[in-house]
Amino acid sequence: MERWTPTQEEMKSRIARFHDVVPVKNKHLDEKGIPPDVLEMIMAKTTRNVMSPGPLPGQLSPKPAVEGGDAGVFRLGIATCPPGQGPGLHVHYRTHETFIAMTGRWEIQWGDHGEESVMLEHMDLIAVPPRVTRRFINRSDQDAHLMVIIQGQRDEFDDVDRVPQTAQAIAAKYGQGMVDKLQSLGWKFTIGVEHEAKQAA
């Protein structure tokens, strides 16, 4: 099989310098005017998507530093959280989400109420299957990094839903108008709502 040696210029697009990758949150702050505190109730304090097969549906950050379309359909991000912080409970209905503790200790919770949990130590990995409500929390005493890999079909990456309690907490602090704005931008807060509706009927 023939081999080739890329030039320095050809390899540039395949290198991700962590601090040069624009955090996901910046797009929401700049384009949508959502306060940072609201976003931290929904997602990690900082997430940088460093590798992705192009502009996937649900791709919330600007163009990732490295496109890996020829390497399969996945998105690789690095979440950075201060002690005690992490996204609210959420579910990916069709995509797989894998977590690797790069630094610090991370509690991974699952179940619609976070009733199950496990601790990840340095370089531990957990692969959460679709349709499982989950969240991660930095249980270290300093900022820590968690690698997040999302895998699935290209048109299934916009498959995230969140618990209504997150919307209630946002409404309590910023008013229902902020929740309405988030929902108009495609954020969902309906985990368990269909179950409660069935029980009430």
N, C-alpha and C. Protein backbone atom coordinates (compact mmCIF):
# COMPACT_ATOMS: atom_id res chain seq x y z
N MET A 1 0.85 -1.18 0.00
CA MET A 1 0.00 0.00 0.00
C MET A 1 0.89 1.24 0.00
N GLU A 2 0.50 2.25 -0.75
CA GLU A 2 1.29 3.46 -0.86
C GLU A 2 1.20 4.30 0.41
N ARG A 3 2.31 4.95 0.77
CA ARG A 3 2.37 5.81 1.93
C ARG A 3 2.59 7.24 1.48
N TRP A 4 2.34 8.20 2.42
CA TRP A 4 2.63 9.60 2.10
C TRP A 4 3.06 10.31 3.35
N THR A 5 3.77 11.39 3.20
CA THR A 5 4.24 12.20 4.32
C THR A 5 3.64 13.59 4.19
N PRO A 6 2.64 13.89 5.02
CA PRO A 6 2.02 15.22 4.95
C PRO A 6 3.02 16.31 5.28
N THR A 7 2.81 17.47 4.69
CA THR A 7 3.63 18.64 5.02
C THR A 7 3.16 19.20 6.36
N GLN A 8 3.97 20.11 6.91
CA GLN A 8 3.57 20.80 8.13
C GLN A 8 2.21 21.48 7.93
N GLU A 9 2.03 22.13 6.78
CA GLU A 9 0.78 22.83 6.50
C GLU A 9 -0.40 21.86 6.43
N GLU A 10 -0.20 20.71 5.81
CA GLU A 10 -1.28 19.71 5.69
C GLU A 10 -1.67 19.14 7.05
N MET A 11 -0.73 19.06 7.97
CA MET A 11 -1.02 18.52 9.30
C MET A 11 -1.66 19.54 10.23
N LYS A 12 -1.57 20.83 9.89
CA LYS A 12 -2.11 21.88 10.77
C LYS A 12 -3.58 21.67 11.09
N SER A 13 -4.37 21.30 10.09
CA SER A 13 -5.81 21.13 10.31
C SER A 13 -6.13 19.90 11.15
N ARG A 14 -5.14 19.09 11.44
CA ARG A 14 -5.35 17.87 12.23
C ARG A 14 -4.79 18.00 13.64
N ILE A 15 -4.41 19.20 14.02
CA ILE A 15 -3.86 19.45 15.36
C ILE A 15 -4.83 20.36 16.13
N ALA A 16 -5.20 19.95 17.33
CA ALA A 16 -6.07 20.76 18.18
C ALA A 16 -5.26 21.26 19.37
N ARG A 17 -5.02 22.55 19.43
CA ARG A 17 -4.39 23.17 20.58
C ARG A 17 -5.50 23.53 21.56
N PHE A 18 -5.52 22.85 22.69
CA PHE A 18 -6.65 22.91 23.62
C PHE A 18 -7.10 24.33 23.90
N HIS A 19 -6.19 25.22 24.22
CA HIS A 19 -6.58 26.58 24.62
C HIS A 19 -6.99 27.46 23.44
N ASP A 20 -6.80 26.97 22.22
CA ASP A 20 -7.23 27.72 21.04
C ASP A 20 -8.65 27.37 20.62
N VAL A 21 -9.19 26.27 21.14
CA VAL A 21 -10.54 25.84 20.76
C VAL A 21 -11.56 26.68 21.53
N VAL A 22 -12.49 27.28 20.81
CA VAL A 22 -13.49 28.16 21.42
C VAL A 22 -14.48 27.32 22.23
N PRO A 23 -14.71 27.65 23.51
CA PRO A 23 -15.68 26.90 24.32
C PRO A 23 -17.09 26.98 23.74
N VAL A 24 -17.83 25.90 23.89
CA VAL A 24 -19.22 25.81 23.41
C VAL A 24 -20.04 26.98 23.94
N LYS A 25 -19.86 27.29 25.21
CA LYS A 25 -20.66 28.31 25.87
C LYS A 25 -20.56 29.68 25.19
N ASN A 26 -19.40 29.98 24.62
CA ASN A 26 -19.19 31.29 24.01
C ASN A 26 -20.20 31.60 22.92
N LYS A 27 -20.59 30.58 22.16
CA LYS A 27 -21.56 30.81 21.08
C LYS A 27 -22.89 31.26 21.66
N HIS A 28 -23.30 30.65 22.75
CA HIS A 28 -24.58 31.02 23.38
C HIS A 28 -24.51 32.41 24.00
N LEU A 29 -23.34 32.75 24.55
CA LEU A 29 -23.17 34.08 25.16
C LEU A 29 -23.17 35.16 24.08
N ASP A 30 -22.42 34.91 23.01
CA ASP A 30 -22.25 35.92 21.97
C ASP A 30 -23.48 36.07 21.09
N GLU A 31 -24.05 34.94 20.63
CA GLU A 31 -25.13 34.99 19.65
C GLU A 31 -26.53 35.01 20.25
N LYS A 32 -26.69 34.41 21.40
CA LYS A 32 -28.03 34.23 21.95
C LYS A 32 -28.31 35.09 23.18
N GLY A 33 -27.26 35.63 23.80
CA GLY A 33 -27.45 36.49 24.96
C GLY A 33 -27.93 35.76 26.20
N ILE A 34 -27.53 34.52 26.38
CA ILE A 34 -27.93 33.75 27.56
C ILE A 34 -26.87 33.96 28.64
N PRO A 35 -27.25 34.31 29.87
CA PRO A 35 -26.27 34.56 30.93
C PRO A 35 -25.43 33.31 31.24
N PRO A 36 -24.15 33.49 31.58
CA PRO A 36 -23.28 32.35 31.88
C PRO A 36 -23.85 31.45 32.98
N ASP A 37 -24.46 32.06 34.01
CA ASP A 37 -24.98 31.27 35.13
C ASP A 37 -26.09 30.32 34.68
N VAL A 38 -26.91 30.74 33.72
CA VAL A 38 -27.97 29.86 33.19
C VAL A 38 -27.33 28.67 32.48
N LEU A 39 -26.33 28.93 31.66
CA LEU A 39 -25.68 27.85 30.94
C LEU A 39 -25.01 26.87 31.89
N GLU A 40 -24.47 27.37 33.02
CA GLU A 40 -23.82 26.47 33.97
C GLU A 40 -24.83 25.63 34.74
N MET A 41 -26.12 25.96 34.67
CA MET A 41 -27.15 25.11 35.26
C MET A 41 -27.50 23.97 34.31
N ILE A 42 -27.07 24.09 33.04
CA ILE A 42 -27.43 23.12 32.01
C ILE A 42 -26.23 22.30 31.56
N MET A 43 -25.05 22.92 31.49
CA MET A 43 -23.88 22.23 30.94
C MET A 43 -22.66 22.45 31.82
N ALA A 44 -21.57 21.78 31.46
CA ALA A 44 -20.32 21.98 32.18
C ALA A 44 -19.89 23.44 32.08
N LYS A 45 -19.11 23.90 33.05
CA LYS A 45 -18.65 25.29 33.03
C LYS A 45 -17.98 25.62 31.71
N THR A 46 -17.12 24.73 31.23
CA THR A 46 -16.47 24.92 29.94
C THR A 46 -16.41 23.59 29.20
N THR A 47 -16.83 23.58 27.95
CA THR A 47 -16.68 22.41 27.09
C THR A 47 -16.05 22.87 25.78
N ARG A 48 -15.00 22.16 25.41
CA ARG A 48 -14.35 22.45 24.12
C ARG A 48 -14.47 21.19 23.26
N ASN A 49 -15.17 21.30 22.14
CA ASN A 49 -15.27 20.18 21.20
C ASN A 49 -14.06 20.24 20.28
N VAL A 50 -13.10 19.33 20.52
CA VAL A 50 -11.84 19.40 19.81
C VAL A 50 -11.79 18.54 18.56
N MET A 51 -12.73 17.58 18.43
CA MET A 51 -12.74 16.75 17.23
C MET A 51 -14.17 16.37 16.90
N SER A 52 -14.54 16.50 15.64
CA SER A 52 -15.90 16.22 15.22
C SER A 52 -15.91 15.98 13.72
N PRO A 53 -16.78 15.08 13.25
CA PRO A 53 -16.88 14.86 11.81
C PRO A 53 -17.67 15.97 11.13
N GLY A 54 -17.13 17.16 11.15
CA GLY A 54 -17.79 18.28 10.50
C GLY A 54 -18.89 18.86 11.35
N PRO A 55 -19.72 19.73 10.78
CA PRO A 55 -20.78 20.40 11.52
C PRO A 55 -21.99 19.50 11.72
N LEU A 56 -21.93 18.64 12.74
CA LEU A 56 -23.03 17.73 13.03
C LEU A 56 -24.26 18.49 13.49
N PRO A 57 -25.46 17.91 13.27
CA PRO A 57 -26.64 18.51 13.91
C PRO A 57 -26.41 18.53 15.41
N GLY A 58 -26.81 19.58 16.07
CA GLY A 58 -26.58 19.68 17.50
C GLY A 58 -25.17 20.10 17.86
N GLN A 59 -24.33 20.37 16.86
CA GLN A 59 -22.97 20.84 17.11
C GLN A 59 -23.07 22.26 17.64
N LEU A 60 -22.85 22.45 18.92
CA LEU A 60 -23.11 23.73 19.55
C LEU A 60 -21.93 24.69 19.48
N SER A 61 -20.74 24.17 19.21
CA SER A 61 -19.59 25.06 19.19
C SER A 61 -19.29 25.47 17.76
N PRO A 62 -18.46 26.49 17.61
CA PRO A 62 -17.99 26.82 16.27
C PRO A 62 -17.24 25.62 15.68
N LYS A 63 -16.85 25.72 14.44
CA LYS A 63 -16.16 24.62 13.76
C LYS A 63 -15.06 24.05 14.66
N PRO A 64 -15.08 22.74 14.91
CA PRO A 64 -14.07 22.15 15.79
C PRO A 64 -12.68 22.28 15.17
N ALA A 65 -11.69 22.22 16.03
CA ALA A 65 -10.32 22.41 15.57
C ALA A 65 -9.88 21.30 14.63
N VAL A 66 -10.37 20.09 14.84
CA VAL A 66 -10.00 18.96 14.00
C VAL A 66 -11.27 18.30 13.51
N GLU A 67 -11.38 18.09 12.22
CA GLU A 67 -12.50 17.32 11.69
C GLU A 67 -12.01 15.91 11.44
N GLY A 68 -12.74 14.93 11.99
CA GLY A 68 -12.32 13.54 11.85
C GLY A 68 -13.37 12.72 11.13
N GLY A 69 -13.96 13.28 10.10
CA GLY A 69 -15.03 12.60 9.38
C GLY A 69 -14.64 11.25 8.83
N ASP A 70 -13.36 11.11 8.48
CA ASP A 70 -12.93 9.83 7.92
C ASP A 70 -12.64 8.81 9.02
N ALA A 71 -12.78 9.21 10.27
CA ALA A 71 -12.48 8.31 11.39
C ALA A 71 -13.74 7.81 12.08
N GLY A 72 -14.92 8.02 11.51
CA GLY A 72 -16.15 7.60 12.14
C GLY A 72 -16.94 8.78 12.63
N VAL A 73 -18.20 8.55 12.99
CA VAL A 73 -19.07 9.65 13.41
C VAL A 73 -19.05 9.75 14.93
N PHE A 74 -18.27 10.68 15.42
CA PHE A 74 -18.23 10.94 16.87
C PHE A 74 -17.76 12.37 17.10
N ARG A 75 -18.05 12.85 18.31
CA ARG A 75 -17.58 14.16 18.73
C ARG A 75 -16.79 13.97 20.02
N LEU A 76 -15.61 14.56 20.08
CA LEU A 76 -14.76 14.45 21.26
C LEU A 76 -14.63 15.84 21.87
N GLY A 77 -15.01 15.94 23.13
CA GLY A 77 -14.93 17.21 23.83
C GLY A 77 -14.21 17.04 25.15
N ILE A 78 -13.73 18.15 25.68
CA ILE A 78 -13.14 18.17 27.01
C ILE A 78 -13.98 19.11 27.87
N ALA A 79 -14.61 18.56 28.91
CA ALA A 79 -15.39 19.36 29.85
C ALA A 79 -14.49 19.73 31.02
N THR A 80 -14.55 21.00 31.42
CA THR A 80 -13.80 21.48 32.58
C THR A 80 -14.79 22.05 33.57
N CYS A 81 -14.75 21.55 34.80
CA CYS A 81 -15.69 22.00 35.83
C CYS A 81 -14.94 22.34 37.11
N PRO A 82 -15.39 23.38 37.83
CA PRO A 82 -14.85 23.64 39.16
C PRO A 82 -15.41 22.62 40.14
N PRO A 83 -14.90 22.57 41.36
CA PRO A 83 -15.40 21.62 42.35
C PRO A 83 -16.92 21.72 42.52
N GLY A 84 -17.60 20.57 42.51
CA GLY A 84 -19.04 20.50 42.75
C GLY A 84 -19.91 20.85 41.56
N GLN A 85 -19.33 21.20 40.41
CA GLN A 85 -20.13 21.63 39.26
C GLN A 85 -20.19 20.54 38.20
N GLY A 86 -21.24 20.59 37.42
CA GLY A 86 -21.45 19.70 36.27
C GLY A 86 -22.82 20.00 35.71
N PRO A 87 -23.14 19.45 34.55
CA PRO A 87 -24.45 19.73 33.94
C PRO A 87 -25.58 19.10 34.74
N GLY A 88 -26.79 19.62 34.54
CA GLY A 88 -27.96 18.99 35.15
C GLY A 88 -28.23 17.64 34.52
N LEU A 89 -29.13 16.89 35.12
CA LEU A 89 -29.51 15.58 34.58
C LEU A 89 -30.05 15.75 33.17
N HIS A 90 -29.57 14.91 32.26
CA HIS A 90 -30.00 14.97 30.86
C HIS A 90 -29.92 13.58 30.25
N VAL A 91 -30.53 13.41 29.11
CA VAL A 91 -30.53 12.13 28.41
C VAL A 91 -30.15 12.35 26.95
N HIS A 92 -29.44 11.37 26.39
CA HIS A 92 -29.21 11.30 24.94
C HIS A 92 -30.04 10.11 24.46
N TYR A 93 -31.04 10.35 23.65
CA TYR A 93 -31.96 9.27 23.27
C TYR A 93 -31.37 8.30 22.26
N ARG A 94 -30.49 8.77 21.37
CA ARG A 94 -29.99 7.89 20.32
C ARG A 94 -28.47 7.78 20.27
N THR A 95 -27.75 8.68 20.92
CA THR A 95 -26.29 8.64 20.85
C THR A 95 -25.70 8.06 22.14
N HIS A 96 -24.52 7.49 21.99
CA HIS A 96 -23.77 6.92 23.12
C HIS A 96 -22.84 8.00 23.66
N GLU A 97 -22.70 8.08 24.98
CA GLU A 97 -21.81 9.07 25.59
C GLU A 97 -20.83 8.35 26.51
N THR A 98 -19.55 8.57 26.28
CA THR A 98 -18.49 7.92 27.06
C THR A 98 -17.69 8.99 27.79
N PHE A 99 -17.41 8.75 29.07
CA PHE A 99 -16.66 9.68 29.89
C PHE A 99 -15.33 9.06 30.31
N ILE A 100 -14.25 9.84 30.24
CA ILE A 100 -12.93 9.41 30.73
C ILE A 100 -12.40 10.52 31.65
N ALA A 101 -12.08 10.15 32.88
CA ALA A 101 -11.55 11.13 33.85
C ALA A 101 -10.10 11.43 33.51
N MET A 102 -9.87 12.62 32.96
CA MET A 102 -8.50 13.01 32.60
C MET A 102 -7.75 13.52 33.83
N THR A 103 -8.41 14.34 34.63
CA THR A 103 -7.84 14.81 35.90
C THR A 103 -8.96 14.81 36.92
N GLY A 104 -8.60 14.75 38.18
CA GLY A 104 -9.60 14.83 39.26
C GLY A 104 -10.41 13.56 39.43
N ARG A 105 -11.45 13.68 40.26
CA ARG A 105 -12.40 12.60 40.54
C ARG A 105 -13.77 13.07 40.08
N TRP A 106 -14.52 12.18 39.43
CA TRP A 106 -15.82 12.54 38.86
C TRP A 106 -16.90 11.57 39.32
N GLU A 107 -17.99 12.13 39.81
CA GLU A 107 -19.16 11.29 40.11
C GLU A 107 -20.05 11.28 38.88
N ILE A 108 -20.35 10.08 38.40
CA ILE A 108 -21.28 9.90 37.28
C ILE A 108 -22.58 9.38 37.88
N GLN A 109 -23.65 10.13 37.73
CA GLN A 109 -24.97 9.72 38.22
C GLN A 109 -25.83 9.30 37.03
N TRP A 110 -26.75 8.35 37.29
CA TRP A 110 -27.71 7.99 36.26
C TRP A 110 -29.03 7.59 36.89
N GLY A 111 -30.07 7.57 36.04
CA GLY A 111 -31.45 7.41 36.51
C GLY A 111 -32.14 8.76 36.44
N ASP A 112 -33.45 8.78 36.27
CA ASP A 112 -34.18 10.04 36.10
C ASP A 112 -34.03 10.99 37.27
N HIS A 113 -33.62 10.45 38.44
CA HIS A 113 -33.41 11.29 39.62
C HIS A 113 -31.96 11.23 40.09
N GLY A 114 -31.09 10.66 39.26
CA GLY A 114 -29.68 10.50 39.65
C GLY A 114 -29.50 9.54 40.79
N GLU A 115 -30.40 8.55 40.85
CA GLU A 115 -30.41 7.65 42.01
C GLU A 115 -29.27 6.63 42.03
N GLU A 116 -28.61 6.42 40.91
CA GLU A 116 -27.45 5.52 40.85
C GLU A 116 -26.21 6.37 40.59
N SER A 117 -25.05 5.91 41.09
CA SER A 117 -23.83 6.68 40.83
C SER A 117 -22.59 5.82 40.99
N VAL A 118 -21.50 6.31 40.41
CA VAL A 118 -20.20 5.66 40.54
C VAL A 118 -19.16 6.77 40.47
N MET A 119 -18.01 6.54 41.12
CA MET A 119 -16.91 7.51 41.07
C MET A 119 -15.89 7.07 40.03
N LEU A 120 -15.44 8.00 39.21
CA LEU A 120 -14.35 7.74 38.27
C LEU A 120 -13.09 8.38 38.82
N GLU A 121 -12.03 7.59 38.89
CA GLU A 121 -10.71 8.09 39.27
C GLU A 121 -9.92 8.36 37.99
N HIS A 122 -8.71 8.87 38.14
CA HIS A 122 -7.86 9.25 37.01
C HIS A 122 -7.81 8.15 35.95
N MET A 123 -8.19 8.49 34.72
CA MET A 123 -8.18 7.65 33.53
C MET A 123 -9.23 6.54 33.52
N ASP A 124 -10.14 6.51 34.50
CA ASP A 124 -11.27 5.58 34.46
C ASP A 124 -12.24 6.00 33.36
N LEU A 125 -12.99 5.05 32.84
CA LEU A 125 -13.92 5.28 31.75
C LEU A 125 -15.27 4.64 32.06
N ILE A 126 -16.35 5.31 31.66
CA ILE A 126 -17.68 4.71 31.71
C ILE A 126 -18.40 5.07 30.42
N ALA A 127 -19.05 4.08 29.80
CA ALA A 127 -19.79 4.28 28.56
C ALA A 127 -21.28 4.21 28.89
N VAL A 128 -21.98 5.33 28.75
CA VAL A 128 -23.40 5.41 29.08
C VAL A 128 -24.21 5.18 27.80
N PRO A 129 -25.09 4.17 27.81
CA PRO A 129 -25.87 3.88 26.59
C PRO A 129 -26.99 4.90 26.37
N PRO A 130 -27.57 4.90 25.18
CA PRO A 130 -28.70 5.80 24.91
C PRO A 130 -29.86 5.52 25.87
N ARG A 131 -30.73 6.54 26.04
CA ARG A 131 -31.97 6.47 26.80
C ARG A 131 -31.76 6.36 28.31
N VAL A 132 -30.56 6.65 28.78
CA VAL A 132 -30.26 6.63 30.21
C VAL A 132 -30.01 8.08 30.65
N THR A 133 -30.81 8.58 31.59
CA THR A 133 -30.59 9.92 32.12
C THR A 133 -29.30 9.91 32.91
N ARG A 134 -28.47 10.97 32.71
CA ARG A 134 -27.16 10.98 33.35
C ARG A 134 -26.69 12.40 33.64
N ARG A 135 -25.66 12.50 34.46
CA ARG A 135 -24.96 13.76 34.68
C ARG A 135 -23.58 13.44 35.25
N PHE A 136 -22.68 14.43 35.22
CA PHE A 136 -21.37 14.27 35.84
C PHE A 136 -21.08 15.46 36.71
N ILE A 137 -20.37 15.21 37.83
CA ILE A 137 -20.05 16.25 38.80
C ILE A 137 -18.59 16.10 39.21
N ASN A 138 -17.86 17.20 39.19
CA ASN A 138 -16.47 17.19 39.64
C ASN A 138 -16.45 17.09 41.16
N ARG A 139 -15.93 16.00 41.69
CA ARG A 139 -15.84 15.79 43.14
C ARG A 139 -14.42 16.03 43.65
N SER A 140 -13.63 16.76 42.90
CA SER A 140 -12.27 17.12 43.31
C SER A 140 -12.29 18.45 44.05
N ASP A 141 -11.16 18.83 44.59
CA ASP A 141 -11.07 20.12 45.29
C ASP A 141 -10.49 21.22 44.40
N GLN A 142 -10.39 20.95 43.09
CA GLN A 142 -9.93 21.96 42.13
C GLN A 142 -10.54 21.67 40.76
N ASP A 143 -10.39 22.60 39.82
CA ASP A 143 -10.89 22.37 38.47
C ASP A 143 -10.36 21.04 37.94
N ALA A 144 -11.21 20.33 37.20
CA ALA A 144 -10.80 19.03 36.64
C ALA A 144 -11.33 18.90 35.22
N HIS A 145 -10.70 18.01 34.45
CA HIS A 145 -11.04 17.80 33.05
C HIS A 145 -11.62 16.40 32.84
N LEU A 146 -12.71 16.34 32.07
CA LEU A 146 -13.37 15.08 31.73
C LEU A 146 -13.48 15.00 30.22
N MET A 147 -12.95 13.92 29.62
CA MET A 147 -13.12 13.72 28.19
C MET A 147 -14.51 13.16 27.95
N VAL A 148 -15.21 13.73 26.96
CA VAL A 148 -16.58 13.32 26.63
C VAL A 148 -16.61 12.95 25.15
N ILE A 149 -16.95 11.70 24.86
CA ILE A 149 -17.05 11.23 23.48
C ILE A 149 -18.51 10.87 23.21
N ILE A 150 -19.09 11.46 22.18
CA ILE A 150 -20.47 11.16 21.78
C ILE A 150 -20.42 10.50 20.42
N GLN A 151 -21.07 9.33 20.32
CA GLN A 151 -21.07 8.55 19.08
C GLN A 151 -22.50 8.29 18.63
N GLY A 152 -22.72 8.29 17.33
CA GLY A 152 -24.03 7.99 16.79
C GLY A 152 -24.07 8.30 15.31
N GLN A 153 -25.26 8.26 14.75
CA GLN A 153 -25.43 8.61 13.35
C GLN A 153 -25.39 10.13 13.20
N ARG A 154 -24.91 10.61 12.08
CA ARG A 154 -24.72 12.04 11.85
C ARG A 154 -25.98 12.85 12.13
N ASP A 155 -27.16 12.35 11.78
CA ASP A 155 -28.40 13.12 11.95
C ASP A 155 -29.08 12.89 13.29
N GLU A 156 -28.38 12.22 14.24
CA GLU A 156 -29.00 11.92 15.53
C GLU A 156 -28.31 12.62 16.70
N PHE A 157 -27.45 13.60 16.44
CA PHE A 157 -26.71 14.24 17.51
C PHE A 157 -27.51 15.30 18.26
N ASP A 158 -28.65 15.70 17.73
CA ASP A 158 -29.48 16.71 18.40
C ASP A 158 -30.58 15.99 19.17
N ASP A 159 -30.19 15.09 20.08
CA ASP A 159 -31.14 14.16 20.72
C ASP A 159 -31.19 14.32 22.23
N VAL A 160 -30.82 15.49 22.74
CA VAL A 160 -30.68 15.68 24.19
C VAL A 160 -31.96 16.28 24.79
N ASP A 161 -32.33 15.78 25.97
CA ASP A 161 -33.45 16.31 26.74
C ASP A 161 -32.96 16.45 28.18
N ARG A 162 -33.64 17.29 28.96
CA ARG A 162 -33.24 17.56 30.34
C ARG A 162 -34.43 17.43 31.28
N VAL A 163 -34.15 17.32 32.57
CA VAL A 163 -35.22 17.20 33.56
C VAL A 163 -35.92 18.55 33.75
N PRO A 164 -37.23 18.54 34.01
CA PRO A 164 -37.97 19.79 34.23
C PRO A 164 -37.44 20.60 35.41
N GLN A 165 -36.83 19.93 36.40
CA GLN A 165 -36.30 20.63 37.57
C GLN A 165 -35.25 21.66 37.18
N THR A 166 -34.50 21.40 36.11
CA THR A 166 -33.50 22.37 35.65
C THR A 166 -34.20 23.63 35.15
N ALA A 167 -35.28 23.46 34.39
CA ALA A 167 -36.05 24.61 33.89
C ALA A 167 -36.67 25.38 35.06
N GLN A 168 -37.14 24.65 36.08
CA GLN A 168 -37.75 25.30 37.25
C GLN A 168 -36.72 26.14 38.00
N ALA A 169 -35.48 25.61 38.12
CA ALA A 169 -34.42 26.35 38.82
C ALA A 169 -34.05 27.61 38.03
N ILE A 170 -34.01 27.50 36.71
CA ILE A 170 -33.71 28.67 35.88
C ILE A 170 -34.82 29.70 36.00
N ALA A 171 -36.08 29.24 35.95
CA ALA A 171 -37.22 30.16 36.05
C ALA A 171 -37.24 30.86 37.41
N ALA A 172 -36.88 30.14 38.48
CA ALA A 172 -36.88 30.73 39.82
C ALA A 172 -35.86 31.86 39.92
N LYS A 173 -34.76 31.73 39.20
CA LYS A 173 -33.68 32.72 39.30
C LYS A 173 -33.79 33.82 38.24
N TYR A 174 -34.27 33.46 37.03
CA TYR A 174 -34.25 34.41 35.91
C TYR A 174 -35.63 34.68 35.30
N GLY A 175 -36.65 33.98 35.81
CA GLY A 175 -38.00 34.18 35.27
C GLY A 175 -38.33 33.19 34.16
N GLN A 176 -39.62 32.97 33.96
CA GLN A 176 -40.08 32.02 32.95
C GLN A 176 -39.66 32.45 31.54
N GLY A 177 -39.48 33.75 31.33
CA GLY A 177 -39.05 34.23 30.02
C GLY A 177 -37.74 33.63 29.56
N MET A 178 -36.81 33.38 30.52
CA MET A 178 -35.52 32.78 30.15
C MET A 178 -35.72 31.33 29.71
N VAL A 179 -36.59 30.60 30.40
CA VAL A 179 -36.89 29.22 30.00
C VAL A 179 -37.53 29.21 28.62
N ASP A 180 -38.47 30.13 28.40
CA ASP A 180 -39.13 30.23 27.09
C ASP A 180 -38.10 30.49 25.99
N LYS A 181 -37.13 31.35 26.29
CA LYS A 181 -36.08 31.66 25.31
C LYS A 181 -35.26 30.43 24.99
N LEU A 182 -34.86 29.69 26.04
CA LEU A 182 -34.08 28.47 25.82
C LEU A 182 -34.87 27.47 24.98
N GLN A 183 -36.15 27.31 25.29
CA GLN A 183 -36.97 26.37 24.54
C GLN A 183 -37.13 26.81 23.09
N SER A 184 -37.22 28.11 22.86
CA SER A 184 -37.32 28.60 21.48
C SER A 184 -36.04 28.33 20.69
N LEU A 185 -34.91 28.16 21.41
CA LEU A 185 -33.64 27.85 20.77
C LEU A 185 -33.41 26.34 20.64
N GLY A 186 -34.39 25.53 21.08
CA GLY A 186 -34.30 24.08 20.91
C GLY A 186 -33.96 23.28 22.14
N TRP A 187 -33.73 23.94 23.29
CA TRP A 187 -33.46 23.21 24.52
C TRP A 187 -34.76 22.57 25.00
N LYS A 188 -34.67 21.32 25.47
CA LYS A 188 -35.85 20.60 25.97
C LYS A 188 -35.67 20.27 27.45
N PHE A 189 -36.78 20.30 28.18
CA PHE A 189 -36.80 20.00 29.62
C PHE A 189 -37.99 19.09 29.92
N THR A 190 -38.08 17.96 29.25
CA THR A 190 -39.30 17.14 29.32
C THR A 190 -39.07 15.72 29.83
N ILE A 191 -37.92 15.42 30.41
CA ILE A 191 -37.69 14.06 30.93
C ILE A 191 -38.74 13.75 32.00
N GLY A 192 -39.42 12.64 31.84
CA GLY A 192 -40.42 12.19 32.81
C GLY A 192 -41.78 12.84 32.68
N VAL A 193 -41.92 13.89 31.86
CA VAL A 193 -43.21 14.57 31.74
C VAL A 193 -44.27 13.64 31.18
N GLU A 194 -43.91 12.85 30.17
CA GLU A 194 -44.89 11.93 29.58
C GLU A 194 -45.35 10.88 30.57
N HIS A 195 -44.43 10.42 31.46
CA HIS A 195 -44.76 9.43 32.47
C HIS A 195 -45.75 10.03 33.50
N GLU A 196 -45.45 11.26 33.93
CA GLU A 196 -46.33 11.92 34.90
C GLU A 196 -47.73 12.18 34.32
N ALA A 197 -47.76 12.51 33.02
CA ALA A 197 -49.05 12.76 32.37
C ALA A 197 -49.89 11.49 32.32
N LYS A 198 -49.23 10.35 32.06
CA LYS A 198 -49.95 9.06 32.02
C LYS A 198 -50.51 8.71 33.40
N GLN A 199 -49.70 8.95 34.45
CA GLN A 199 -50.15 8.63 35.80
C GLN A 199 -51.31 9.53 36.23
N ALA A 200 -51.32 10.77 35.78
CA ALA A 200 -52.39 11.70 36.15
C ALA A 200 -53.71 11.38 35.42
N ALA A 201 -53.61 10.71 34.28
CA ALA A 201 -54.81 10.39 33.49
C ALA A 201 -55.60 9.25 34.07
